[in-house]
Amino acid sequence: MEANSQSRVKGFAAAGAIIVWLSLALQFYVIIQNRIAPVPETIVRFFSYYTVLSNLLIAICFTAIAFKGIQETGNFFARPNTLTATAVYICIVALTYNIILRFQWSPHGLARVCDELLHLIVPVLYVIFWLAFVPKQSIKWKHILPWAIYPLVYLAYTLLRGPYASWYPYPFIDVAVHGYHKVLFNSAMVCVVFVVFSVIFIGISKMMAKRPA
């Protein structure tokens, strides 16, 4: 990237990093203030939300780019492949929450602010960043499989910890309520959505990569 373009990328990333880190800090404050479990368990639960982990990944990516810019090699969190996978993850957050979960509760005050930031504003901001600045030439169809590692590990962790903690972060994967058959079906549907979004982002990458510079 030329100097002016790299400067814009770093500036956008720096602003994005501030927004996401602040959003996560506010969400952490809210969950601690409204905890229904001991503080250690509440902290574990905070980091057991796919939304929090995905936004945390965005915060790390933005921070890495703000310092060093986007890199084809080098910092893992500044690579186009990682940045594209992150776009897929945060789109799943936004879609799942705004279609399935949004109408199951009514947050108020600071909780509502955090809710909108993490589930709507940050996803939109990040996708705009991806469209505008992330190089697309190195994004390949073969990347879908490694991209799936994070959501699959998250699902395994959630299902293994759930019975032990008697707590699940999202109602559609609550085995105590729905049983494993229904939860595995719901999880499979989310996996389908993951594949669909991966195909969409790779398809967009290939179309944009073909545009003349």
C-alpha atoms as a PDB file:
ATOM      1  CA  MET A   1       0.000   0.000   0.000  1.00  0.00           C
ATOM      2  CA  GLU A   2       1.168   3.541  -0.722  1.00  0.00           C
ATOM      3  CA  ALA A   3       1.874   5.839   2.213  1.00  0.00           C
ATOM      4  CA  ASN A   4      -1.379   7.832   2.102  1.00  0.00           C
ATOM      5  CA  SER A   5      -3.503   4.698   1.815  1.00  0.00           C
ATOM      6  CA  GLN A   6      -1.632   3.002   4.663  1.00  0.00           C
ATOM      7  CA  SER A   7      -2.144   6.094   6.791  1.00  0.00           C
ATOM      8  CA  ARG A   8      -5.912   5.960   6.193  1.00  0.00           C
ATOM      9  CA  VAL A   9      -5.950   2.267   7.065  1.00  0.00           C
ATOM     10  CA  LYS A  10      -4.085   2.859  10.317  1.00  0.00           C
ATOM     11  CA  GLY A  11      -6.293   5.836  11.195  1.00  0.00           C
ATOM     12  CA  PHE A  12      -9.502   3.879  10.608  1.00  0.00           C
ATOM     13  CA  ALA A  13      -8.122   0.924  12.552  1.00  0.00           C
ATOM     14  CA  ALA A  14      -7.058   3.126  15.477  1.00  0.00           C
ATOM     15  CA  ALA A  15     -10.524   4.681  15.702  1.00  0.00           C
ATOM     16  CA  GLY A  16     -12.116   1.249  15.395  1.00  0.00           C
ATOM     17  CA  ALA A  17      -9.864  -0.177  18.104  1.00  0.00           C
ATOM     18  CA  ILE A  18     -10.882   2.574  20.530  1.00  0.00           C
ATOM     19  CA  ILE A  19     -14.580   1.958  19.845  1.00  0.00           C
ATOM     20  CA  VAL A  20     -14.368  -1.821  20.253  1.00  0.00           C
ATOM     21  CA  TRP A  21     -12.141  -1.803  23.356  1.00  0.00           C
ATOM     22  CA  LEU A  22     -14.449   0.756  24.957  1.00  0.00           C
ATOM     23  CA  SER A  23     -17.507  -1.319  24.034  1.00  0.00           C
ATOM     24  CA  LEU A  24     -15.993  -4.432  25.596  1.00  0.00           C
ATOM     25  CA  ALA A  25     -14.965  -2.532  28.728  1.00  0.00           C
ATOM     26  CA  LEU A  26     -18.495  -1.163  29.121  1.00  0.00           C
ATOM     27  CA  GLN A  27     -19.999  -4.611  28.591  1.00  0.00           C
ATOM     28  CA  PHE A  28     -17.642  -6.055  31.204  1.00  0.00           C
ATOM     29  CA  TYR A  29     -18.695  -3.346  33.668  1.00  0.00           C
ATOM     30  CA  VAL A  30     -22.382  -4.045  32.993  1.00  0.00           C
ATOM     31  CA  ILE A  31     -22.080  -7.797  33.439  1.00  0.00           C
ATOM     32  CA  ILE A  32     -20.118  -7.381  36.689  1.00  0.00           C
ATOM     33  CA  GLN A  33     -22.647  -4.873  38.037  1.00  0.00           C
ATOM     34  CA  ASN A  34     -25.590  -7.131  37.166  1.00  0.00           C
ATOM     35  CA  ARG A  35     -23.972 -10.455  38.028  1.00  0.00           C
ATOM     36  CA  ILE A  36     -26.035 -13.338  39.344  1.00  0.00           C
ATOM     37  CA  ALA A  37     -22.977 -15.527  39.977  1.00  0.00           C
ATOM     38  CA  PRO A  38     -19.722 -15.015  41.914  1.00  0.00           C
ATOM     39  CA  VAL A  39     -17.231 -12.656  40.278  1.00  0.00           C
ATOM     40  CA  PRO A  40     -14.809 -15.378  39.040  1.00  0.00           C
ATOM     41  CA  GLU A  41     -17.668 -17.284  37.406  1.00  0.00           C
ATOM     42  CA  THR A  42     -19.068 -14.052  35.958  1.00  0.00           C
ATOM     43  CA  ILE A  43     -15.700 -13.269  34.371  1.00  0.00           C
ATOM     44  CA  VAL A  44     -15.544 -16.754  32.842  1.00  0.00           C
ATOM     45  CA  ARG A  45     -19.078 -16.290  31.533  1.00  0.00           C
ATOM     46  CA  PHE A  46     -18.153 -12.928  30.023  1.00  0.00           C
ATOM     47  CA  PHE A  47     -15.436 -14.594  27.968  1.00  0.00           C
ATOM     48  CA  SER A  48     -17.776 -17.475  27.105  1.00  0.00           C
ATOM     49  CA  TYR A  49     -19.954 -15.363  24.816  1.00  0.00           C
ATOM     50  CA  TYR A  50     -19.256 -15.747  21.101  1.00  0.00           C
ATOM     51  CA  THR A  51     -20.169 -12.078  20.739  1.00  0.00           C
ATOM     52  CA  VAL A  52     -17.507 -10.996  23.227  1.00  0.00           C
ATOM     53  CA  LEU A  53     -14.830 -13.256  21.756  1.00  0.00           C
ATOM     54  CA  SER A  54     -15.554 -12.113  18.201  1.00  0.00           C
ATOM     55  CA  ASN A  55     -15.513  -8.452  19.191  1.00  0.00           C
ATOM     56  CA  LEU A  56     -12.302  -9.089  21.125  1.00  0.00           C
ATOM     57  CA  LEU A  57     -10.797 -10.547  17.964  1.00  0.00           C
ATOM     58  CA  ILE A  58     -11.790  -7.397  16.078  1.00  0.00           C
ATOM     59  CA  ALA A  59     -10.248  -5.219  18.791  1.00  0.00           C
ATOM     60  CA  ILE A  60      -6.968  -7.145  18.534  1.00  0.00           C
ATOM     61  CA  CYS A  61      -6.990  -6.968  14.714  1.00  0.00           C
ATOM     62  CA  PHE A  62      -7.697  -3.241  14.698  1.00  0.00           C
ATOM     63  CA  THR A  63      -4.971  -2.641  17.277  1.00  0.00           C
ATOM     64  CA  ALA A  64      -2.409  -4.643  15.309  1.00  0.00           C
ATOM     65  CA  ILE A  65      -3.257  -2.767  12.117  1.00  0.00           C
ATOM     66  CA  ALA A  66      -3.175   0.623  13.848  1.00  0.00           C
ATOM     67  CA  PHE A  67       0.488   0.012  14.731  1.00  0.00           C
ATOM     68  CA  LYS A  68       1.811  -1.929  11.744  1.00  0.00           C
ATOM     69  CA  GLY A  69      -0.810  -1.750   9.000  1.00  0.00           C
ATOM     70  CA  ILE A  70      -2.203  -4.723   7.077  1.00  0.00           C
ATOM     71  CA  GLN A  71       0.452  -7.358   6.360  1.00  0.00           C
ATOM     72  CA  GLU A  72       0.346 -10.263   3.933  1.00  0.00           C
ATOM     73  CA  THR A  73       2.836 -12.027   6.212  1.00  0.00           C
ATOM     74  CA  GLY A  74       3.955 -11.263   9.740  1.00  0.00           C
ATOM     75  CA  ASN A  75       1.425 -10.424  12.447  1.00  0.00           C
ATOM     76  CA  PHE A  76      -1.314 -13.075  12.322  1.00  0.00           C
ATOM     77  CA  PHE A  77      -4.006 -10.572  13.307  1.00  0.00           C
ATOM     78  CA  ALA A  78      -3.110  -8.160  10.498  1.00  0.00           C
ATOM     79  CA  ARG A  79      -3.226 -10.662   7.633  1.00  0.00           C
ATOM     80  CA  PRO A  80      -6.006 -10.417   5.002  1.00  0.00           C
ATOM     81  CA  ASN A  81      -6.924 -14.067   5.589  1.00  0.00           C
ATOM     82  CA  THR A  82      -7.446 -13.494   9.323  1.00  0.00           C
ATOM     83  CA  LEU A  83      -9.275 -10.213   8.727  1.00  0.00           C
ATOM     84  CA  THR A  84     -11.663 -11.891   6.298  1.00  0.00           C
ATOM     85  CA  ALA A  85     -12.369 -14.773   8.662  1.00  0.00           C
ATOM     86  CA  THR A  86     -13.089 -12.204  11.361  1.00  0.00           C
ATOM     87  CA  ALA A  87     -15.593 -10.504   9.059  1.00  0.00           C
ATOM     88  CA  VAL A  88     -17.398 -13.839   8.692  1.00  0.00           C
ATOM     89  CA  TYR A  89     -17.454 -14.356  12.467  1.00  0.00           C
ATOM     90  CA  ILE A  90     -18.840 -10.919  13.264  1.00  0.00           C
ATOM     91  CA  CYS A  91     -21.495 -11.197  10.561  1.00  0.00           C
ATOM     92  CA  ILE A  92     -22.707 -14.391  12.232  1.00  0.00           C
ATOM     93  CA  VAL A  93     -22.850 -12.463  15.520  1.00  0.00           C
ATOM     94  CA  ALA A  94     -24.920  -9.697  13.964  1.00  0.00           C
ATOM     95  CA  LEU A  95     -27.246 -12.016  12.044  1.00  0.00           C
ATOM     96  CA  THR A  96     -27.863 -14.448  14.918  1.00  0.00           C
ATOM     97  CA  TYR A  97     -28.499 -11.709  17.444  1.00  0.00           C
ATOM     98  CA  ASN A  98     -30.626  -9.387  15.341  1.00  0.00           C
ATOM     99  CA  ILE A  99     -32.809 -12.152  13.882  1.00  0.00           C
ATOM    100  CA  ILE A 100     -33.036 -14.661  16.750  1.00  0.00           C
ATOM    101  CA  LEU A 101     -32.003 -13.112  20.061  1.00  0.00           C
ATOM    102  CA  ARG A 102     -32.793  -9.398  19.942  1.00  0.00           C
ATOM    103  CA  PHE A 103     -36.482  -9.792  20.743  1.00  0.00           C
ATOM    104  CA  GLN A 104     -35.949 -12.157  23.669  1.00  0.00           C
ATOM    105  CA  TRP A 105     -34.914  -9.399  26.068  1.00  0.00           C
ATOM    106  CA  SER A 106     -35.129  -5.614  26.472  1.00  0.00           C
ATOM    107  CA  PRO A 107     -31.917  -4.059  27.833  1.00  0.00           C
ATOM    108  CA  HIS A 108     -31.994  -0.507  29.148  1.00  0.00           C
ATOM    109  CA  GLY A 109     -29.480   2.241  29.831  1.00  0.00           C
ATOM    110  CA  LEU A 110     -25.820   1.316  29.487  1.00  0.00           C
ATOM    111  CA  ALA A 111     -26.731  -2.310  28.769  1.00  0.00           C
ATOM    112  CA  ARG A 112     -28.682  -1.133  25.711  1.00  0.00           C
ATOM    113  CA  VAL A 113     -25.718   0.951  24.546  1.00  0.00           C
ATOM    114  CA  CYS A 114     -23.387  -2.054  24.835  1.00  0.00           C
ATOM    115  CA  ASP A 115     -25.946  -4.233  23.093  1.00  0.00           C
ATOM    116  CA  GLU A 116     -26.108  -1.969  20.050  1.00  0.00           C
ATOM    117  CA  LEU A 117     -22.367  -1.418  19.926  1.00  0.00           C
ATOM    118  CA  LEU A 118     -21.370  -5.079  20.018  1.00  0.00           C
ATOM    119  CA  HIS A 119     -24.167  -6.517  17.893  1.00  0.00           C
ATOM    120  CA  LEU A 120     -24.758  -3.803  15.300  1.00  0.00           C
ATOM    121  CA  ILE A 121     -22.386  -0.840  15.211  1.00  0.00           C
ATOM    122  CA  VAL A 122     -19.102  -2.754  15.470  1.00  0.00           C
ATOM    123  CA  PRO A 123     -20.147  -5.396  12.901  1.00  0.00           C
ATOM    124  CA  VAL A 124     -21.162  -2.709  10.404  1.00  0.00           C
ATOM    125  CA  LEU A 125     -18.000  -0.700  11.087  1.00  0.00           C
ATOM    126  CA  TYR A 126     -15.797  -3.745  10.626  1.00  0.00           C
ATOM    127  CA  VAL A 127     -17.443  -4.879   7.390  1.00  0.00           C
ATOM    128  CA  ILE A 128     -17.017  -1.349   5.993  1.00  0.00           C
ATOM    129  CA  PHE A 129     -13.341  -1.531   6.942  1.00  0.00           C
ATOM    130  CA  TRP A 130     -12.994  -4.929   5.286  1.00  0.00           C
ATOM    131  CA  LEU A 131     -14.653  -3.762   2.075  1.00  0.00           C
ATOM    132  CA  ALA A 132     -12.654  -0.553   1.878  1.00  0.00           C
ATOM    133  CA  PHE A 133      -9.173  -1.541   2.978  1.00  0.00           C
ATOM    134  CA  VAL A 134      -8.434  -5.273   3.227  1.00  0.00           C
ATOM    135  CA  PRO A 135      -6.547  -6.676   0.189  1.00  0.00           C
ATOM    136  CA  LYS A 136      -8.557  -9.465  -1.410  1.00  0.00           C
ATOM    137  CA  GLN A 137      -6.064 -11.160  -3.752  1.00  0.00           C
ATOM    138  CA  SER A 138      -4.868 -13.804  -1.283  1.00  0.00           C
ATOM    139  CA  ILE A 139      -8.316 -14.990  -0.121  1.00  0.00           C
ATOM    140  CA  LYS A 140      -8.907 -18.563  -1.316  1.00  0.00           C
ATOM    141  CA  TRP A 141     -11.725 -21.128  -1.177  1.00  0.00           C
ATOM    142  CA  LYS A 142      -9.439 -23.467   0.763  1.00  0.00           C
ATOM    143  CA  HIS A 143      -9.511 -21.042   3.698  1.00  0.00           C
ATOM    144  CA  ILE A 144     -13.054 -22.011   4.675  1.00  0.00           C
ATOM    145  CA  LEU A 145     -11.921 -25.132   6.530  1.00  0.00           C
ATOM    146  CA  PRO A 146      -9.331 -23.455   8.800  1.00  0.00           C
ATOM    147  CA  TRP A 147     -11.766 -20.589   9.386  1.00  0.00           C
ATOM    148  CA  ALA A 148     -14.182 -23.144  10.867  1.00  0.00           C
ATOM    149  CA  ILE A 149     -11.777 -24.094  13.671  1.00  0.00           C
ATOM    150  CA  TYR A 150     -12.711 -21.166  15.908  1.00  0.00           C
ATOM    151  CA  PRO A 151     -16.521 -21.639  15.847  1.00  0.00           C
ATOM    152  CA  LEU A 152     -16.202 -25.413  16.195  1.00  0.00           C
ATOM    153  CA  VAL A 153     -13.839 -25.132  19.174  1.00  0.00           C
ATOM    154  CA  TYR A 154     -16.188 -22.568  20.698  1.00  0.00           C
ATOM    155  CA  LEU A 155     -19.154 -24.911  20.272  1.00  0.00           C
ATOM    156  CA  ALA A 156     -17.254 -27.826  21.809  1.00  0.00           C
ATOM    157  CA  TYR A 157     -16.168 -25.687  24.763  1.00  0.00           C
ATOM    158  CA  THR A 158     -19.721 -24.444  25.337  1.00  0.00           C
ATOM    159  CA  LEU A 159     -21.303 -27.885  25.236  1.00  0.00           C
ATOM    160  CA  LEU A 160     -18.631 -29.405  27.465  1.00  0.00           C
ATOM    161  CA  ARG A 161     -18.719 -26.630  30.055  1.00  0.00           C
ATOM    162  CA  GLY A 162     -22.492 -26.173  30.063  1.00  0.00           C
ATOM    163  CA  PRO A 163     -23.436 -29.210  32.181  1.00  0.00           C
ATOM    164  CA  TYR A 164     -20.593 -28.505  34.616  1.00  0.00           C
ATOM    165  CA  ALA A 165     -21.523 -24.822  35.078  1.00  0.00           C
ATOM    166  CA  SER A 166     -25.293 -25.308  34.666  1.00  0.00           C
ATOM    167  CA  TRP A 167     -25.160 -22.339  32.300  1.00  0.00           C
ATOM    168  CA  TYR A 168     -25.201 -21.765  28.552  1.00  0.00           C
ATOM    169  CA  PRO A 169     -24.474 -18.387  26.932  1.00  0.00           C
ATOM    170  CA  TYR A 170     -27.315 -18.608  24.391  1.00  0.00           C
ATOM    171  CA  PRO A 171     -30.777 -20.162  24.709  1.00  0.00           C
ATOM    172  CA  PHE A 172     -30.656 -22.028  21.387  1.00  0.00           C
ATOM    173  CA  ILE A 173     -27.684 -24.113  22.633  1.00  0.00           C
ATOM    174  CA  ASP A 174     -29.083 -24.737  26.111  1.00  0.00           C
ATOM    175  CA  VAL A 175     -28.988 -28.530  26.384  1.00  0.00           C
ATOM    176  CA  ALA A 176     -30.856 -28.468  29.699  1.00  0.00           C
ATOM    177  CA  VAL A 177     -33.859 -26.913  27.945  1.00  0.00           C
ATOM    178  CA  HIS A 178     -33.741 -28.362  24.441  1.00  0.00           C
ATOM    179  CA  GLY A 179     -31.731 -31.571  24.751  1.00  0.00           C
ATOM    180  CA  TYR A 180     -28.747 -32.530  22.639  1.00  0.00           C
ATOM    181  CA  HIS A 181     -30.783 -33.456  19.565  1.00  0.00           C
ATOM    182  CA  LYS A 182     -32.285 -29.969  19.200  1.00  0.00           C
ATOM    183  CA  VAL A 183     -29.089 -28.184  20.204  1.00  0.00           C
ATOM    184  CA  LEU A 184     -27.022 -30.107  17.666  1.00  0.00           C
ATOM    185  CA  PHE A 185     -29.613 -29.286  15.012  1.00  0.00           C
ATOM    186  CA  ASN A 186     -29.468 -25.589  15.935  1.00  0.00           C
ATOM    187  CA  SER A 187     -25.682 -25.727  15.874  1.00  0.00           C
ATOM    188  CA  ALA A 188     -25.733 -27.358  12.457  1.00  0.00           C
ATOM    189  CA  MET A 189     -27.898 -24.504  11.162  1.00  0.00           C
ATOM    190  CA  VAL A 190     -25.363 -21.987  12.467  1.00  0.00           C
ATOM    191  CA  CYS A 191     -22.625 -23.981  10.717  1.00  0.00           C
ATOM    192  CA  VAL A 192     -24.579 -23.715   7.469  1.00  0.00           C
ATOM    193  CA  VAL A 193     -24.787 -19.949   7.972  1.00  0.00           C
ATOM    194  CA  PHE A 194     -21.028 -19.901   8.586  1.00  0.00           C
ATOM    195  CA  VAL A 195     -20.370 -21.699   5.289  1.00  0.00           C
ATOM    196  CA  VAL A 196     -22.757 -19.391   3.427  1.00  0.00           C
ATOM    197  CA  PHE A 197     -21.065 -16.257   4.764  1.00  0.00           C
ATOM    198  CA  SER A 198     -17.627 -17.704   4.057  1.00  0.00           C
ATOM    199  CA  VAL A 199     -18.644 -18.335   0.453  1.00  0.00           C
ATOM    200  CA  ILE A 200     -20.084 -14.817   0.184  1.00  0.00           C
ATOM    201  CA  PHE A 201     -16.946 -13.132   1.505  1.00  0.00           C
ATOM    202  CA  ILE A 202     -14.616 -15.225  -0.620  1.00  0.00           C
ATOM    203  CA  GLY A 203     -16.825 -14.590  -3.653  1.00  0.00           C
ATOM    204  CA  ILE A 204     -16.730 -10.845  -2.993  1.00  0.00           C
ATOM    205  CA  SER A 205     -12.974 -11.053  -2.535  1.00  0.00           C
ATOM    206  CA  LYS A 206     -12.506 -12.710  -5.893  1.00  0.00           C
ATOM    207  CA  MET A 207     -14.745 -10.203  -7.675  1.00  0.00           C
ATOM    208  CA  MET A 208     -12.989  -7.227  -6.066  1.00  0.00           C
ATOM    209  CA  ALA A 209      -9.544  -8.699  -6.739  1.00  0.00           C
ATOM    210  CA  LYS A 210     -10.330  -8.770 -10.463  1.00  0.00           C
ATOM    211  CA  ARG A 211     -11.038  -5.036 -10.590  1.00  0.00           C
ATOM    212  CA  PRO A 212      -8.324  -2.979 -12.240  1.00  0.00           C
ATOM    213  CA  ALA A 213      -6.198  -1.038  -9.773  1.00  0.00           C
END
